[in-house]
């Protein structure tokens, strides 16, 4: 695997700016919602698997 050369007229580097308090709060809320949704999905799958094992 070799190095990729950056073209002269294209800058591939990115500058990260700190998030504002509002952006950070929105991001944390979004992540909390996603984790809750994933937990519900996982719980439902586990319940379905447990029922299938009882029937078998």
C-alpha atoms as a PDB file:
ATOM      1  CA  UNK A   1       0.000   0.000   0.000  1.00  0.00           C
ATOM      2  CA  UNK A   2       1.523   3.275  -1.070  1.00  0.00           C
ATOM      3  CA  UNK A   3       1.054   6.864  -0.121  1.00  0.00           C
ATOM      4  CA  UNK A   4      -1.605   8.888  -1.903  1.00  0.00           C
ATOM      5  CA  UNK A   5      -0.264  12.186  -3.151  1.00  0.00           C
ATOM      6  CA  UNK A   6      -2.395  15.233  -2.565  1.00  0.00           C
ATOM      7  CA  UNK A   7      -3.092  17.262  -5.681  1.00  0.00           C
ATOM      8  CA  UNK A   8      -1.849  20.828  -5.626  1.00  0.00           C
ATOM      9  CA  UNK A   9      -5.297  22.401  -5.919  1.00  0.00           C
ATOM     10  CA  UNK A  10      -7.035  20.102  -3.396  1.00  0.00           C
ATOM     11  CA  UNK A  11      -6.607  20.264   0.381  1.00  0.00           C
ATOM     12  CA  UNK A  12      -7.515  17.004   2.113  1.00  0.00           C
ATOM     13  CA  UNK A  13      -6.778  18.232   5.629  1.00  0.00           C
ATOM     14  CA  UNK A  14      -9.674  19.183   7.856  1.00  0.00           C
ATOM     15  CA  UNK A  15      -9.842  21.714  10.625  1.00  0.00           C
ATOM     16  CA  UNK A  16     -11.993  20.806  13.563  1.00  0.00           C
ATOM     17  CA  UNK A  17     -13.797  23.574  15.378  1.00  0.00           C
ATOM     18  CA  UNK A  18     -15.016  23.076  18.954  1.00  0.00           C
ATOM     19  CA  UNK A  19     -18.722  22.436  19.325  1.00  0.00           C
ATOM     20  CA  UNK A  20     -20.993  24.956  20.978  1.00  0.00           C
ATOM     21  CA  UNK A  21     -22.852  23.948  24.117  1.00  0.00           C
ATOM     22  CA  UNK A  22     -26.105  23.687  22.131  1.00  0.00           C
ATOM     23  CA  UNK A  23     -24.538  21.459  19.459  1.00  0.00           C
ATOM     24  CA  UNK A  24     -23.018  19.260  22.146  1.00  0.00           C
ATOM     25  CA  UNK A  25     -26.347  18.972  23.960  1.00  0.00           C
ATOM     26  CA  UNK A  26     -28.115  18.078  20.688  1.00  0.00           C
ATOM     27  CA  UNK A  27     -25.496  15.426  19.909  1.00  0.00           C
ATOM     28  CA  UNK A  28     -25.764  13.880  23.371  1.00  0.00           C
ATOM     29  CA  UNK A  29     -29.570  13.774  23.070  1.00  0.00           C
ATOM     30  CA  UNK A  30     -29.307  12.140  19.654  1.00  0.00           C
ATOM     31  CA  UNK A  31     -26.857   9.504  20.930  1.00  0.00           C
ATOM     32  CA  UNK A  32     -29.069   8.795  23.946  1.00  0.00           C
ATOM     33  CA  UNK A  33     -32.072   8.262  21.647  1.00  0.00           C
ATOM     34  CA  UNK A  34     -30.095   5.937  19.370  1.00  0.00           C
ATOM     35  CA  UNK A  35     -28.823   3.872  22.308  1.00  0.00           C
ATOM     36  CA  UNK A  36     -32.353   3.576  23.741  1.00  0.00           C
ATOM     37  CA  UNK A  37     -33.718   2.446  20.371  1.00  0.00           C
ATOM     38  CA  UNK A  38     -30.935  -0.138  20.006  1.00  0.00           C
ATOM     39  CA  UNK A  39     -31.552  -1.423  23.546  1.00  0.00           C
ATOM     40  CA  UNK A  40     -35.260  -1.902  22.789  1.00  0.00           C
ATOM     41  CA  UNK A  41     -34.413  -3.753  19.569  1.00  0.00           C
ATOM     42  CA  UNK A  42     -31.929  -6.006  21.381  1.00  0.00           C
ATOM     43  CA  UNK A  43     -34.449  -6.724  24.149  1.00  0.00           C
ATOM     44  CA  UNK A  44     -37.107  -7.664  21.598  1.00  0.00           C
ATOM     45  CA  UNK A  45     -34.696 -10.015  19.803  1.00  0.00           C
ATOM     46  CA  UNK A  46     -33.720 -11.670  23.089  1.00  0.00           C
ATOM     47  CA  UNK A  47     -37.387 -12.140  24.030  1.00  0.00           C
ATOM     48  CA  UNK A  48     -38.149 -13.673  20.624  1.00  0.00           C
ATOM     49  CA  UNK A  49     -35.185 -16.040  20.925  1.00  0.00           C
ATOM     50  CA  UNK A  50     -36.242 -17.072  24.436  1.00  0.00           C
ATOM     51  CA  UNK A  51     -39.767 -17.859  23.218  1.00  0.00           C
ATOM     52  CA  UNK A  52     -38.397 -19.934  20.342  1.00  0.00           C
ATOM     53  CA  UNK A  53     -36.191 -21.908  22.723  1.00  0.00           C
ATOM     54  CA  UNK A  54     -39.179 -22.632  24.978  1.00  0.00           C
ATOM     55  CA  UNK A  55     -41.181 -23.937  22.027  1.00  0.00           C
ATOM     56  CA  UNK A  56     -38.360 -26.176  20.823  1.00  0.00           C
END
